[in-house]
Amino acid sequence: MLRNLSSFVVKSTRHIQASSSATFNGVIPTEKIEKRYTLSSGPGGQNVQKNATKVEIRFKVSEAEWLSESLRDLVEEKLSHRINTAGELIIDSDRTRERHLNVADCFDKLRSAIYAIENEQGKREMTEKDEKILRERAAIATQHRLQEKRRTSEKKASRRAAVEF
């Protein structure tokens, strides 16, 4: 059963949005990334024992010219737990029973990780003005919440019948 790989990749990456000042455009040159296929683990019977559906992609972060220098340094820092002693970033997937879907999942994981690192880099420090605005918003929200509680309490009190003896 053959399926078109591009349809899965588009669906799996639809939720990812790059920042407007992105240095990474989402394109990963697949020819520069080594792919390895191994037998998957877990249940699956004969399919697991005969077909190498688990996918592992790896590349040297220091040689990835499709990433900016600053982004390469951040990837090495933030994803250090996935980098081996040879300096290769390793991402694997055995989520599905089909190899091409696991390849797409690996690239989706890599793309998402790079976007997350890039967006984290773009965040700025909070200023005193920002903190003041947040405190004011919290105070207004508390005031509205208490007013709503009072209204609800009054509504329930008006429903109670006066007890006469």
N, C-alpha and C. Protein backbone atom coordinates (compact mmCIF):
# COMPACT_ATOMS: atom_id res chain seq x y z
N MET A 1 0.86 -1.17 0.00
CA MET A 1 0.00 0.00 0.00
C MET A 1 0.90 1.23 0.00
N LEU A 2 1.03 1.88 -1.15
CA LEU A 2 1.86 3.07 -1.28
C LEU A 2 1.04 4.31 -1.06
N ARG A 3 1.61 5.26 -0.38
CA ARG A 3 0.94 6.53 -0.14
C ARG A 3 1.88 7.66 -0.50
N ASN A 4 1.31 8.78 -0.83
CA ASN A 4 2.10 9.95 -1.19
C ASN A 4 2.65 10.58 0.08
N LEU A 5 3.97 10.63 0.20
CA LEU A 5 4.62 11.14 1.41
C LEU A 5 4.35 12.61 1.63
N SER A 6 4.27 13.39 0.57
CA SER A 6 4.09 14.84 0.73
C SER A 6 2.77 15.18 1.40
N SER A 7 1.74 14.37 1.18
CA SER A 7 0.46 14.67 1.82
C SER A 7 0.54 14.52 3.33
N PHE A 8 1.36 13.58 3.81
CA PHE A 8 1.51 13.39 5.25
C PHE A 8 2.35 14.50 5.86
N VAL A 9 3.39 14.91 5.16
CA VAL A 9 4.27 15.95 5.69
C VAL A 9 3.51 17.26 5.82
N VAL A 10 2.70 17.61 4.83
CA VAL A 10 1.94 18.85 4.88
C VAL A 10 0.96 18.83 6.05
N LYS A 11 0.28 17.71 6.24
CA LYS A 11 -0.68 17.62 7.33
C LYS A 11 0.01 17.70 8.69
N SER A 12 1.18 17.07 8.80
CA SER A 12 1.83 17.01 10.10
C SER A 12 2.49 18.32 10.50
N THR A 13 2.79 19.19 9.53
CA THR A 13 3.47 20.44 9.87
C THR A 13 2.57 21.65 9.73
N ARG A 14 1.28 21.45 9.54
CA ARG A 14 0.37 22.56 9.34
C ARG A 14 0.31 23.47 10.56
N HIS A 15 0.47 22.93 11.77
CA HIS A 15 0.35 23.72 12.99
C HIS A 15 1.58 24.56 13.30
N ILE A 16 2.66 24.35 12.58
CA ILE A 16 3.91 25.06 12.88
C ILE A 16 3.92 26.40 12.18
N GLN A 17 4.19 27.46 12.92
CA GLN A 17 4.28 28.80 12.37
C GLN A 17 5.66 29.36 12.69
N ALA A 18 6.34 29.82 11.67
CA ALA A 18 7.65 30.44 11.90
C ALA A 18 7.44 31.89 12.29
N SER A 19 8.37 32.42 13.05
CA SER A 19 8.28 33.83 13.41
C SER A 19 8.55 34.68 12.18
N SER A 20 8.12 35.94 12.21
CA SER A 20 8.25 36.80 11.05
C SER A 20 9.71 37.11 10.74
N SER A 21 10.56 37.12 11.73
CA SER A 21 11.98 37.39 11.51
C SER A 21 12.77 36.09 11.51
N ALA A 22 12.22 35.08 10.87
CA ALA A 22 12.80 33.74 10.92
C ALA A 22 14.09 33.66 10.12
N THR A 23 15.06 32.97 10.68
CA THR A 23 16.27 32.67 9.94
C THR A 23 16.19 31.24 9.41
N PHE A 24 15.26 30.46 9.92
CA PHE A 24 15.03 29.10 9.44
C PHE A 24 13.70 29.10 8.71
N ASN A 25 13.71 28.73 7.44
CA ASN A 25 12.49 28.80 6.63
C ASN A 25 11.69 27.51 6.61
N GLY A 26 12.11 26.50 7.34
CA GLY A 26 11.37 25.25 7.41
C GLY A 26 11.83 24.20 6.43
N VAL A 27 12.70 24.58 5.50
CA VAL A 27 13.18 23.63 4.50
C VAL A 27 14.41 22.92 5.05
N ILE A 28 14.32 21.59 5.09
CA ILE A 28 15.43 20.77 5.55
C ILE A 28 15.93 19.98 4.35
N PRO A 29 17.17 20.16 3.93
CA PRO A 29 17.68 19.42 2.77
C PRO A 29 17.86 17.94 3.12
N THR A 30 16.94 17.11 2.66
CA THR A 30 16.95 15.69 3.02
C THR A 30 18.17 14.95 2.49
N GLU A 31 18.75 15.43 1.40
CA GLU A 31 19.92 14.74 0.84
C GLU A 31 21.16 14.91 1.72
N LYS A 32 21.15 15.88 2.61
CA LYS A 32 22.30 16.13 3.49
C LYS A 32 22.13 15.49 4.86
N ILE A 33 21.05 14.74 5.02
CA ILE A 33 20.77 14.11 6.31
C ILE A 33 20.78 12.60 6.13
N GLU A 34 21.55 11.93 6.97
CA GLU A 34 21.66 10.48 6.89
C GLU A 34 20.43 9.84 7.53
N LYS A 35 19.87 8.84 6.83
CA LYS A 35 18.70 8.12 7.34
C LYS A 35 19.10 6.67 7.58
N ARG A 36 18.69 6.13 8.71
CA ARG A 36 18.94 4.72 9.03
C ARG A 36 17.61 4.07 9.36
N TYR A 37 17.46 2.83 8.93
CA TYR A 37 16.23 2.08 9.16
C TYR A 37 16.57 0.82 9.95
N THR A 38 15.83 0.61 11.04
CA THR A 38 16.05 -0.57 11.87
C THR A 38 14.71 -1.20 12.21
N LEU A 39 14.78 -2.41 12.79
CA LEU A 39 13.55 -3.08 13.21
C LEU A 39 12.96 -2.33 14.39
N SER A 40 11.66 -2.14 14.34
CA SER A 40 10.97 -1.43 15.40
C SER A 40 10.75 -2.36 16.59
N SER A 41 10.45 -1.78 17.74
CA SER A 41 10.18 -2.58 18.93
C SER A 41 8.69 -2.59 19.21
N GLY A 42 8.29 -3.43 20.13
CA GLY A 42 6.90 -3.45 20.55
C GLY A 42 6.06 -4.44 19.76
N PRO A 43 4.74 -4.42 19.99
CA PRO A 43 3.86 -5.37 19.32
C PRO A 43 3.73 -5.06 17.84
N GLY A 44 3.36 -6.07 17.08
CA GLY A 44 3.17 -5.87 15.65
C GLY A 44 3.33 -7.16 14.87
N GLY A 45 3.73 -8.21 15.57
CA GLY A 45 3.81 -9.52 14.93
C GLY A 45 4.85 -9.58 13.84
N GLN A 46 4.47 -10.20 12.73
CA GLN A 46 5.40 -10.45 11.64
C GLN A 46 5.91 -9.15 11.02
N ASN A 47 5.09 -8.12 10.99
CA ASN A 47 5.49 -6.84 10.41
C ASN A 47 6.71 -6.28 11.14
N VAL A 48 6.72 -6.38 12.47
CA VAL A 48 7.83 -5.86 13.27
C VAL A 48 9.09 -6.69 13.05
N GLN A 49 8.93 -8.00 12.89
CA GLN A 49 10.07 -8.88 12.76
C GLN A 49 10.71 -8.84 11.38
N LYS A 50 9.96 -8.46 10.36
CA LYS A 50 10.48 -8.53 8.99
C LYS A 50 10.81 -7.19 8.37
N ASN A 51 10.12 -6.14 8.75
CA ASN A 51 10.28 -4.84 8.09
C ASN A 51 10.98 -3.84 9.00
N ALA A 52 11.98 -3.18 8.46
CA ALA A 52 12.71 -2.16 9.21
C ALA A 52 11.95 -0.84 9.08
N THR A 53 11.03 -0.60 10.02
CA THR A 53 10.18 0.60 9.94
C THR A 53 10.64 1.72 10.86
N LYS A 54 11.47 1.42 11.83
CA LYS A 54 11.97 2.47 12.72
C LYS A 54 12.98 3.31 11.94
N VAL A 55 12.86 4.63 12.06
CA VAL A 55 13.71 5.54 11.30
C VAL A 55 14.53 6.38 12.26
N GLU A 56 15.79 6.57 11.90
CA GLU A 56 16.68 7.43 12.67
C GLU A 56 17.36 8.37 11.68
N ILE A 57 17.21 9.68 11.92
CA ILE A 57 17.91 10.64 11.07
C ILE A 57 19.01 11.28 11.90
N ARG A 58 20.13 11.57 11.24
CA ARG A 58 21.27 12.17 11.93
C ARG A 58 22.04 13.07 10.99
N PHE A 59 22.57 14.14 11.56
CA PHE A 59 23.42 15.05 10.80
C PHE A 59 24.31 15.80 11.78
N LYS A 60 25.45 16.26 11.26
CA LYS A 60 26.38 17.05 12.09
C LYS A 60 25.86 18.47 12.14
N VAL A 61 25.55 18.93 13.33
CA VAL A 61 24.99 20.27 13.51
C VAL A 61 26.00 21.33 13.07
N SER A 62 27.26 21.10 13.35
CA SER A 62 28.29 22.10 13.00
C SER A 62 28.45 22.27 11.50
N GLU A 63 28.04 21.26 10.71
CA GLU A 63 28.17 21.33 9.25
C GLU A 63 26.85 21.65 8.55
N ALA A 64 25.83 21.98 9.30
CA ALA A 64 24.51 22.26 8.71
C ALA A 64 24.47 23.71 8.24
N GLU A 65 24.86 23.94 6.98
CA GLU A 65 24.89 25.31 6.47
C GLU A 65 23.49 25.86 6.19
N TRP A 66 22.47 25.02 6.24
CA TRP A 66 21.10 25.48 6.05
C TRP A 66 20.53 26.11 7.32
N LEU A 67 21.32 26.10 8.40
CA LEU A 67 20.97 26.81 9.63
C LEU A 67 21.95 27.96 9.81
N SER A 68 21.48 29.06 10.37
CA SER A 68 22.38 30.18 10.64
C SER A 68 23.35 29.79 11.76
N GLU A 69 24.44 30.49 11.85
CA GLU A 69 25.47 30.19 12.85
C GLU A 69 24.91 30.28 14.27
N SER A 70 24.14 31.33 14.54
CA SER A 70 23.58 31.50 15.89
C SER A 70 22.58 30.39 16.20
N LEU A 71 21.79 29.99 15.20
CA LEU A 71 20.81 28.93 15.41
C LEU A 71 21.51 27.58 15.62
N ARG A 72 22.61 27.35 14.90
CA ARG A 72 23.40 26.12 15.11
C ARG A 72 23.90 26.04 16.54
N ASP A 73 24.41 27.15 17.05
CA ASP A 73 24.90 27.16 18.44
C ASP A 73 23.77 26.88 19.43
N LEU A 74 22.60 27.49 19.18
CA LEU A 74 21.46 27.26 20.07
C LEU A 74 20.97 25.82 19.99
N VAL A 75 20.96 25.23 18.80
CA VAL A 75 20.55 23.83 18.64
C VAL A 75 21.51 22.93 19.41
N GLU A 76 22.81 23.20 19.29
CA GLU A 76 23.79 22.39 20.03
C GLU A 76 23.59 22.53 21.53
N GLU A 77 23.22 23.71 21.99
CA GLU A 77 23.02 23.94 23.42
C GLU A 77 21.73 23.30 23.92
N LYS A 78 20.62 23.57 23.22
CA LYS A 78 19.30 23.12 23.70
C LYS A 78 19.05 21.63 23.47
N LEU A 79 19.62 21.07 22.40
CA LEU A 79 19.40 19.66 22.09
C LEU A 79 20.64 18.82 22.37
N SER A 80 21.44 19.23 23.34
CA SER A 80 22.69 18.53 23.64
C SER A 80 22.46 17.08 24.06
N HIS A 81 21.29 16.79 24.64
CA HIS A 81 20.99 15.43 25.06
C HIS A 81 20.73 14.50 23.87
N ARG A 82 20.54 15.06 22.68
CA ARG A 82 20.32 14.26 21.48
C ARG A 82 21.54 14.24 20.56
N ILE A 83 22.63 14.86 21.00
CA ILE A 83 23.84 14.93 20.18
C ILE A 83 24.86 13.94 20.73
N ASN A 84 25.41 13.09 19.83
CA ASN A 84 26.39 12.10 20.26
C ASN A 84 27.79 12.70 20.31
N THR A 85 28.78 11.88 20.63
CA THR A 85 30.15 12.38 20.77
C THR A 85 30.74 12.82 19.44
N ALA A 86 30.20 12.34 18.33
CA ALA A 86 30.68 12.75 17.01
C ALA A 86 30.07 14.08 16.57
N GLY A 87 29.19 14.64 17.40
CA GLY A 87 28.56 15.92 17.07
C GLY A 87 27.34 15.79 16.19
N GLU A 88 26.77 14.58 16.11
CA GLU A 88 25.60 14.36 15.27
C GLU A 88 24.32 14.46 16.10
N LEU A 89 23.37 15.20 15.59
CA LEU A 89 22.05 15.28 16.20
C LEU A 89 21.26 14.07 15.72
N ILE A 90 20.70 13.31 16.64
CA ILE A 90 19.98 12.08 16.30
C ILE A 90 18.53 12.20 16.72
N ILE A 91 17.64 11.96 15.76
CA ILE A 91 16.20 11.96 16.03
C ILE A 91 15.64 10.67 15.44
N ASP A 92 14.83 9.97 16.24
CA ASP A 92 14.26 8.72 15.73
C ASP A 92 12.76 8.69 15.91
N SER A 93 12.13 7.77 15.18
CA SER A 93 10.68 7.61 15.27
C SER A 93 10.30 6.18 14.91
N ASP A 94 9.45 5.59 15.74
CA ASP A 94 8.83 4.31 15.40
C ASP A 94 7.35 4.38 15.76
N ARG A 95 6.78 5.55 15.52
CA ARG A 95 5.40 5.82 15.89
C ARG A 95 4.41 4.98 15.08
N THR A 96 4.70 4.79 13.79
CA THR A 96 3.75 4.06 12.94
C THR A 96 4.38 2.76 12.43
N ARG A 97 3.57 1.97 11.71
CA ARG A 97 4.04 0.72 11.13
C ARG A 97 4.66 0.92 9.77
N GLU A 98 4.61 2.14 9.26
CA GLU A 98 5.11 2.39 7.90
C GLU A 98 6.33 3.30 7.94
N ARG A 99 7.35 2.90 7.18
CA ARG A 99 8.63 3.61 7.19
C ARG A 99 8.50 5.05 6.74
N HIS A 100 7.80 5.30 5.64
CA HIS A 100 7.73 6.66 5.10
C HIS A 100 7.02 7.62 6.06
N LEU A 101 6.08 7.11 6.84
CA LEU A 101 5.42 7.97 7.84
C LEU A 101 6.37 8.29 8.99
N ASN A 102 7.22 7.33 9.34
CA ASN A 102 8.20 7.58 10.39
C ASN A 102 9.28 8.56 9.93
N VAL A 103 9.63 8.51 8.63
CA VAL A 103 10.58 9.49 8.09
C VAL A 103 9.97 10.89 8.21
N ALA A 104 8.71 11.02 7.80
CA ALA A 104 8.03 12.31 7.90
C ALA A 104 7.95 12.78 9.35
N ASP A 105 7.71 11.85 10.27
CA ASP A 105 7.62 12.20 11.69
C ASP A 105 8.97 12.69 12.21
N CYS A 106 10.06 12.07 11.79
CA CYS A 106 11.40 12.51 12.21
C CYS A 106 11.66 13.94 11.75
N PHE A 107 11.37 14.22 10.48
CA PHE A 107 11.61 15.56 9.97
C PHE A 107 10.68 16.58 10.64
N ASP A 108 9.48 16.15 10.96
CA ASP A 108 8.54 17.03 11.67
C ASP A 108 9.07 17.35 13.07
N LYS A 109 9.61 16.35 13.76
CA LYS A 109 10.19 16.57 15.09
C LYS A 109 11.36 17.55 15.01
N LEU A 110 12.21 17.37 14.00
CA LEU A 110 13.37 18.25 13.83
C LEU A 110 12.92 19.68 13.54
N ARG A 111 11.98 19.82 12.62
CA ARG A 111 11.47 21.14 12.24
C ARG A 111 10.83 21.84 13.44
N SER A 112 10.02 21.11 14.19
CA SER A 112 9.36 21.68 15.37
C SER A 112 10.38 22.11 16.42
N ALA A 113 11.41 21.30 16.64
CA ALA A 113 12.43 21.63 17.63
C ALA A 113 13.18 22.90 17.22
N ILE A 114 13.50 23.02 15.94
CA ILE A 114 14.23 24.21 15.47
C ILE A 114 13.36 25.45 15.60
N TYR A 115 12.08 25.34 15.22
CA TYR A 115 11.18 26.49 15.37
C TYR A 115 11.04 26.88 16.83
N ALA A 116 10.92 25.90 17.72
CA ALA A 116 10.77 26.20 19.15
C ALA A 116 12.01 26.92 19.68
N ILE A 117 13.18 26.46 19.28
CA ILE A 117 14.42 27.11 19.71
C ILE A 117 14.49 28.52 19.17
N GLU A 118 14.11 28.69 17.91
CA GLU A 118 14.17 30.00 17.28
C GLU A 118 13.19 30.98 17.93
N ASN A 119 11.98 30.51 18.23
CA ASN A 119 10.99 31.38 18.87
C ASN A 119 11.40 31.73 20.29
N GLU A 120 12.03 30.80 20.98
CA GLU A 120 12.52 31.06 22.34
C GLU A 120 13.62 32.12 22.31
N GLN A 121 14.43 32.10 21.26
CA GLN A 121 15.51 33.06 21.11
C GLN A 121 14.96 34.47 20.93
N GLY A 122 13.82 34.60 20.25
CA GLY A 122 13.26 35.91 19.94
C GLY A 122 12.54 36.58 21.09
N LYS A 123 12.32 35.87 22.19
CA LYS A 123 11.60 36.46 23.32
C LYS A 123 12.46 37.52 24.00
N ARG A 124 11.82 38.58 24.45
CA ARG A 124 12.57 39.65 25.11
C ARG A 124 12.28 39.62 26.60
N GLU A 125 13.11 40.30 27.35
CA GLU A 125 12.95 40.38 28.79
C GLU A 125 11.79 41.31 29.14
N MET A 126 11.12 41.02 30.25
CA MET A 126 10.03 41.88 30.70
C MET A 126 10.59 43.15 31.32
N THR A 127 9.98 44.25 30.98
CA THR A 127 10.37 45.53 31.57
C THR A 127 9.46 45.83 32.75
N GLU A 128 9.78 46.88 33.49
CA GLU A 128 8.93 47.28 34.61
C GLU A 128 7.56 47.71 34.11
N LYS A 129 7.53 48.33 32.94
CA LYS A 129 6.26 48.75 32.35
C LYS A 129 5.38 47.54 32.05
N ASP A 130 5.98 46.48 31.50
CA ASP A 130 5.24 45.25 31.21
C ASP A 130 4.68 44.64 32.49
N GLU A 131 5.51 44.59 33.52
CA GLU A 131 5.07 44.02 34.79
C GLU A 131 3.93 44.83 35.40
N LYS A 132 4.00 46.16 35.28
CA LYS A 132 2.94 47.02 35.80
C LYS A 132 1.63 46.75 35.07
N ILE A 133 1.69 46.62 33.75
CA ILE A 133 0.49 46.33 32.96
C ILE A 133 -0.11 45.00 33.37
N LEU A 134 0.74 43.98 33.57
CA LEU A 134 0.24 42.67 33.98
C LEU A 134 -0.40 42.72 35.37
N ARG A 135 0.20 43.47 36.30
CA ARG A 135 -0.39 43.62 37.64
C ARG A 135 -1.76 44.29 37.56
N GLU A 136 -1.86 45.34 36.73
CA GLU A 136 -3.15 46.04 36.57
C GLU A 136 -4.20 45.11 35.98
N ARG A 137 -3.82 44.33 34.99
CA ARG A 137 -4.77 43.38 34.39
C ARG A 137 -5.22 42.33 35.40
N ALA A 138 -4.30 41.86 36.23
CA ALA A 138 -4.65 40.87 37.25
C ALA A 138 -5.61 41.47 38.28
N ALA A 139 -5.39 42.74 38.66
CA ALA A 139 -6.27 43.40 39.62
C ALA A 139 -7.67 43.57 39.03
N ILE A 140 -7.76 43.96 37.77
CA ILE A 140 -9.06 44.12 37.12
C ILE A 140 -9.77 42.78 37.02
N ALA A 141 -9.03 41.72 36.67
CA ALA A 141 -9.62 40.39 36.58
C ALA A 141 -10.15 39.93 37.93
N THR A 142 -9.41 40.20 39.00
CA THR A 142 -9.85 39.85 40.35
C THR A 142 -11.11 40.61 40.72
N GLN A 143 -11.15 41.89 40.38
CA GLN A 143 -12.32 42.72 40.67
C GLN A 143 -13.56 42.18 39.95
N HIS A 144 -13.41 41.83 38.67
CA HIS A 144 -14.54 41.29 37.91
C HIS A 144 -15.00 39.95 38.48
N ARG A 145 -14.05 39.12 38.88
CA ARG A 145 -14.39 37.82 39.45
C ARG A 145 -15.19 37.99 40.74
N LEU A 146 -14.76 38.90 41.60
CA LEU A 146 -15.47 39.12 42.87
C LEU A 146 -16.86 39.71 42.63
N GLN A 147 -16.99 40.62 41.65
CA GLN A 147 -18.31 41.18 41.32
C GLN A 147 -19.24 40.07 40.84
N GLU A 148 -18.72 39.17 40.03
CA GLU A 148 -19.53 38.06 39.52
C GLU A 148 -19.95 37.14 40.66
N LYS A 149 -19.06 36.90 41.61
CA LYS A 149 -19.39 36.07 42.77
C LYS A 149 -20.50 36.72 43.59
N ARG A 150 -20.40 38.05 43.79
CA ARG A 150 -21.42 38.78 44.54
C ARG A 150 -22.77 38.68 43.84
N ARG A 151 -22.77 38.88 42.51
CA ARG A 151 -24.01 38.79 41.73
C ARG A 151 -24.65 37.41 41.86
N THR A 152 -23.84 36.38 41.76
CA THR A 152 -24.36 35.02 41.87
C THR A 152 -24.92 34.77 43.27
N SER A 153 -24.22 35.26 44.28
CA SER A 153 -24.68 35.09 45.66
C SER A 153 -26.02 35.79 45.88
N GLU A 154 -26.14 37.02 45.36
CA GLU A 154 -27.40 37.77 45.50
C GLU A 154 -28.54 37.08 44.76
N LYS A 155 -28.25 36.52 43.59
CA LYS A 155 -29.27 35.82 42.82
C LYS A 155 -29.78 34.61 43.60
N LYS A 156 -28.88 33.85 44.20
CA LYS A 156 -29.28 32.68 44.96
C LYS A 156 -30.02 33.08 46.24
N ALA A 157 -29.60 34.18 46.86
CA ALA A 157 -30.27 34.66 48.08
C ALA A 157 -31.70 35.09 47.77
N SER A 158 -31.92 35.68 46.61
CA SER A 158 -33.28 36.12 46.26
C SER A 158 -34.20 34.93 45.98
N ARG A 159 -33.64 33.78 45.65
CA ARG A 159 -34.47 32.60 45.39
C ARG A 159 -34.95 31.94 46.68
N ARG A 160 -34.23 32.17 47.76
CA ARG A 160 -34.61 31.53 49.01
C ARG A 160 -35.91 32.15 49.52
N ALA A 161 -36.80 31.31 49.94
CA ALA A 161 -38.08 31.80 50.47
C ALA A 161 -37.89 32.24 51.92
N ALA A 162 -38.58 33.31 52.27
CA ALA A 162 -38.50 33.80 53.64
C ALA A 162 -39.29 32.83 54.52
N VAL A 163 -38.70 32.40 55.59
CA VAL A 163 -39.34 31.45 56.49
C VAL A 163 -40.15 32.23 57.51
N GLU A 164 -41.50 31.98 57.54
CA GLU A 164 -42.37 32.65 58.50
C GLU A 164 -42.95 31.62 59.46
N PHE A 165 -43.01 31.96 60.76
CA PHE A 165 -43.56 31.04 61.76
C PHE A 165 -44.87 31.52 62.26
